[in-house]
Amino acid sequence: MGFAVIMFVRILFGVCMVFIIGYIFGGFSGNPTLVSLTKVAAILAIVLFIAANGILMRFAFSRGAGGKDGWHCTEHKMKLP
């Protein structure tokens, strides 16, 4: 399930980049419908970038302690000699 979500977010992010690059370098600026889609794609690209980082951090923190109890502070577990 997690891998599918990550791949879906990355594919949507790539599609957003195609619209933005098409607007800047291509002929998307001449069509009003494509201009509207490009504005939505620009906002969606920012949201998807933040979402992808949040999902990946969640997976990384959940495996930080061997997958047992998730991420936690280890500062108080130090044993002095």
Protein backbone atom coordinates (compact mmCIF):
# COMPACT_ATOMS: atom_id res chain seq x y z
CA MET A 1 0.00 0.00 0.00
CA GLY A 2 2.74 2.46 0.92
CA PHE A 3 4.67 1.90 -2.29
CA ALA A 4 1.54 2.48 -4.39
CA VAL A 5 0.86 5.80 -2.64
CA ILE A 6 4.42 6.97 -3.17
CA MET A 7 4.32 6.03 -6.85
CA PHE A 8 0.93 7.74 -7.32
CA VAL A 9 2.22 10.96 -5.74
CA ARG A 10 5.35 10.89 -7.88
CA ILE A 11 3.38 10.32 -11.09
CA LEU A 12 1.06 13.22 -10.27
CA PHE A 13 4.09 15.38 -9.50
CA GLY A 14 5.59 14.49 -12.90
CA VAL A 15 2.35 15.36 -14.70
CA CYS A 16 2.30 18.73 -12.94
CA MET A 17 5.84 19.41 -14.10
CA VAL A 18 4.84 18.62 -17.69
CA PHE A 19 2.09 21.25 -17.53
CA ILE A 20 4.38 23.86 -15.99
CA ILE A 21 7.19 23.24 -18.48
CA GLY A 22 4.66 23.22 -21.33
CA TYR A 23 3.41 26.62 -20.22
CA ILE A 24 6.88 28.13 -19.93
CA PHE A 25 8.54 26.63 -23.00
CA GLY A 26 5.63 25.38 -25.10
CA GLY A 27 2.46 26.72 -26.57
CA PHE A 28 0.27 26.19 -23.50
CA SER A 29 0.02 29.95 -22.88
CA GLY A 30 -2.14 30.43 -25.99
CA ASN A 31 -5.00 28.18 -24.84
CA PRO A 32 -7.10 29.48 -21.90
CA THR A 33 -8.00 25.96 -20.74
CA LEU A 34 -4.35 24.91 -20.57
CA VAL A 35 -3.51 28.12 -18.70
CA SER A 36 -6.09 27.23 -16.02
CA LEU A 37 -4.79 23.66 -15.80
CA THR A 38 -1.25 24.96 -15.46
CA LYS A 39 -2.23 27.17 -12.52
CA VAL A 40 -3.84 24.20 -10.81
CA ALA A 41 -0.77 22.08 -11.61
CA ALA A 42 1.55 24.65 -10.05
CA ILE A 43 -0.40 24.61 -6.78
CA LEU A 44 -0.72 20.83 -6.88
CA ALA A 45 3.03 20.44 -7.46
CA ILE A 46 3.75 22.32 -4.24
CA VAL A 47 1.21 20.27 -2.28
CA LEU A 48 2.47 16.97 -3.74
CA PHE A 49 6.09 17.87 -2.97
CA ILE A 50 5.20 18.47 0.68
CA ALA A 51 3.02 15.33 0.78
CA ALA A 52 5.75 13.13 -0.70
CA ASN A 53 8.27 14.37 1.86
CA GLY A 54 5.79 13.81 4.68
CA ILE A 55 5.00 10.28 3.54
CA LEU A 56 8.66 9.37 3.14
CA MET A 57 9.53 10.83 6.57
CA ARG A 58 6.70 8.85 8.13
CA PHE A 59 8.01 5.61 6.63
CA ALA A 60 11.58 6.44 7.65
CA PHE A 61 10.60 7.24 11.25
CA SER A 62 8.46 4.13 11.56
CA ARG A 63 11.46 1.96 10.70
CA GLY A 64 13.87 3.90 12.89
CA ALA A 65 13.60 1.51 15.84
CA GLY A 66 13.53 -1.66 13.78
CA GLY A 67 9.83 -1.24 13.06
CA LYS A 68 8.81 -2.07 16.64
CA ASP A 69 7.57 1.15 18.14
CA GLY A 70 8.41 3.89 15.66
CA TRP A 71 10.59 6.91 16.16
CA HIS A 72 11.46 7.99 19.67
CA CYS A 73 14.10 9.97 21.48
CA THR A 74 17.14 7.93 22.51
CA GLU A 75 18.71 10.69 24.57
CA HIS A 76 17.45 9.30 27.90
CA LYS A 77 18.39 5.71 27.16
CA MET A 78 22.14 6.31 27.37
CA LYS A 79 23.79 4.27 30.13
CA LEU A 80 26.79 5.79 31.78
CA PRO A 81 29.62 3.54 32.98
